[in-house]
Amino acid sequence: MSTKWRMAIAAVVLWWAAPAAAHHSFEVEYDPRKPVEAVGVISKVEWTNPHMRIYIDVTDEKGVVTTWNLELGSPNSVLRRGWKRSDLKAGDTISFKGFGGRRILTRAAVDAIRLADGRAFTGASGAPDAPGAR
């Protein structure tokens, strides 16, 4: 086999395998033993692959606002659960429960969201069954 063919095959294999290597397991980013929950106002929603993100501004008892980066499953997994893009809008108040980030403390894998109108959304974070997960 010529060197050109070997190089072409290697390039194809690397190109094909790169997305799989880039994806992470849940426990690399999040701690299943670190449940978090809060109420806040949506500042931004990103319907992007591989994970949908919601950014919410949470105000603590001292009036300090912290922006949380909430990770959900893929946009398709969210839509398959019956949600529409119009359900999550900047300015809406939501509450969430999830699992905190290992390194970034204002990041969470969301396991449950509740809208101000009472509708609930659960199970799209990819979080494993963990203590207190449900």
Protein backbone atom coordinates (compact mmCIF):
# COMPACT_ATOMS: atom_id res chain seq x y z
CA MET A 1 0.00 0.00 0.00
CA SER A 2 1.40 3.39 -0.96
CA THR A 3 2.15 6.14 1.54
CA LYS A 4 -0.54 8.35 -0.02
CA TRP A 5 -3.22 5.70 0.61
CA ARG A 6 -2.05 5.19 4.20
CA MET A 7 -2.17 8.93 4.83
CA ALA A 8 -5.64 9.18 3.26
CA ILE A 9 -6.97 6.31 5.38
CA ALA A 10 -5.43 7.78 8.55
CA ALA A 11 -6.99 11.17 7.81
CA VAL A 12 -10.43 9.64 7.31
CA VAL A 13 -10.18 7.59 10.52
CA LEU A 14 -9.07 10.64 12.54
CA TRP A 15 -11.79 12.83 11.02
CA TRP A 16 -14.45 10.22 11.80
CA ALA A 17 -13.25 9.56 15.37
CA ALA A 18 -12.76 13.19 16.45
CA PRO A 19 -16.40 13.88 17.46
CA ALA A 20 -16.50 10.75 19.63
CA ALA A 21 -13.31 11.72 21.42
CA ALA A 22 -14.57 15.25 21.98
CA HIS A 23 -17.70 14.16 23.83
CA HIS A 24 -17.46 13.79 27.59
CA SER A 25 -19.05 11.61 30.19
CA PHE A 26 -21.43 13.16 32.71
CA GLU A 27 -19.06 12.76 35.65
CA VAL A 28 -16.18 14.55 33.94
CA GLU A 29 -18.11 17.84 34.02
CA TYR A 30 -20.72 17.35 36.77
CA ASP A 31 -20.92 15.84 40.24
CA PRO A 32 -23.93 13.55 40.81
CA ARG A 33 -23.41 13.99 44.57
CA LYS A 34 -23.76 17.78 44.31
CA PRO A 35 -27.44 18.61 43.79
CA VAL A 36 -28.22 22.25 43.04
CA GLU A 37 -31.45 24.17 42.61
CA ALA A 38 -32.43 27.78 42.10
CA VAL A 39 -34.99 30.18 40.68
CA GLY A 40 -33.99 32.79 38.14
CA VAL A 41 -34.77 34.76 35.00
CA ILE A 42 -33.74 33.43 31.61
CA SER A 43 -31.18 35.71 29.97
CA LYS A 44 -30.37 33.52 26.93
CA VAL A 45 -31.37 30.19 25.37
CA GLU A 46 -29.12 28.31 22.94
CA TRP A 47 -30.76 25.54 20.88
CA THR A 48 -27.41 24.15 19.71
CA ASN A 49 -25.88 20.69 19.44
CA PRO A 50 -24.61 18.70 21.16
CA HIS A 51 -26.27 20.22 24.25
CA MET A 52 -28.95 22.85 24.61
CA ARG A 53 -28.07 25.60 27.11
CA ILE A 54 -30.14 28.00 29.16
CA TYR A 55 -28.51 30.92 30.94
CA ILE A 56 -30.42 32.25 33.94
CA ASP A 57 -29.75 35.15 36.29
CA VAL A 58 -30.22 34.08 39.90
CA THR A 59 -30.45 36.77 42.58
CA ASP A 60 -29.34 35.75 46.07
CA GLU A 61 -30.65 37.06 49.40
CA LYS A 62 -28.09 39.93 49.30
CA GLY A 63 -29.23 41.06 45.85
CA VAL A 64 -26.15 39.71 44.06
CA VAL A 65 -26.98 38.36 40.58
CA THR A 66 -25.15 35.27 39.35
CA THR A 67 -25.59 33.89 35.84
CA TRP A 68 -25.93 30.11 35.74
CA ASN A 69 -25.10 28.05 32.63
CA LEU A 70 -27.61 25.18 32.50
CA GLU A 71 -26.90 22.23 30.22
CA LEU A 72 -29.69 20.04 28.89
CA GLY A 73 -29.70 17.23 26.37
CA SER A 74 -29.68 17.83 22.65
CA PRO A 75 -32.29 20.15 21.16
CA ASN A 76 -33.94 17.12 19.56
CA SER A 77 -34.27 15.34 22.92
CA VAL A 78 -35.91 18.45 24.38
CA LEU A 79 -38.31 18.79 21.44
CA ARG A 80 -39.19 15.07 21.58
CA ARG A 81 -40.36 15.60 25.16
CA GLY A 82 -42.99 17.98 23.83
CA TRP A 83 -41.36 21.35 24.40
CA LYS A 84 -41.31 24.07 21.77
CA ARG A 85 -38.72 26.77 21.19
CA SER A 86 -41.29 29.33 22.31
CA ASP A 87 -41.58 27.70 25.76
CA LEU A 88 -38.23 29.10 26.95
CA LYS A 89 -37.79 32.82 26.34
CA ALA A 90 -35.48 35.49 27.69
CA GLY A 91 -37.24 37.26 30.56
CA ASP A 92 -39.19 34.20 31.74
CA THR A 93 -38.75 33.02 35.32
CA ILE A 94 -37.92 29.34 35.81
CA SER A 95 -36.78 27.09 38.61
CA PHE A 96 -34.34 24.25 38.08
CA LYS A 97 -32.88 21.24 39.83
CA GLY A 98 -29.75 19.54 38.65
CA PHE A 99 -26.19 18.59 39.41
CA GLY A 100 -23.44 21.14 39.93
CA GLY A 101 -20.30 21.53 37.90
CA ARG A 102 -17.05 20.08 39.17
CA ARG A 103 -14.84 23.00 38.13
CA ILE A 104 -17.30 25.73 37.17
CA LEU A 105 -19.55 26.26 40.17
CA THR A 106 -22.21 28.23 38.26
CA ARG A 107 -22.75 25.46 35.75
CA ALA A 108 -25.27 22.65 36.12
CA ALA A 109 -26.62 19.64 34.27
CA VAL A 110 -30.34 20.22 34.57
CA ASP A 111 -32.58 17.34 35.51
CA ALA A 112 -35.82 19.31 36.07
CA ILE A 113 -37.15 22.72 35.01
CA ARG A 114 -40.42 24.30 36.08
CA LEU A 115 -41.88 27.27 34.23
CA ALA A 116 -43.79 30.06 35.96
CA ASP A 117 -47.05 28.62 34.56
CA GLY A 118 -46.35 25.33 36.36
CA ARG A 119 -45.35 23.18 33.41
CA ALA A 120 -42.46 20.86 34.22
CA PHE A 121 -39.68 19.43 32.10
CA THR A 122 -37.56 16.53 33.36
CA GLY A 123 -34.89 14.08 32.37
CA ALA A 124 -33.03 15.67 29.48
CA SER A 125 -29.66 16.27 31.12
CA GLY A 126 -28.08 12.92 30.45
CA ALA A 127 -27.49 12.66 34.18
CA PRO A 128 -27.26 9.13 35.46
CA ASP A 129 -29.55 7.93 38.20
CA ALA A 130 -27.89 9.53 41.20
CA PRO A 131 -28.88 10.07 44.81
CA GLY A 132 -31.70 12.61 44.74
CA ALA A 133 -31.93 12.58 40.94
CA ARG A 134 -35.67 12.07 40.91
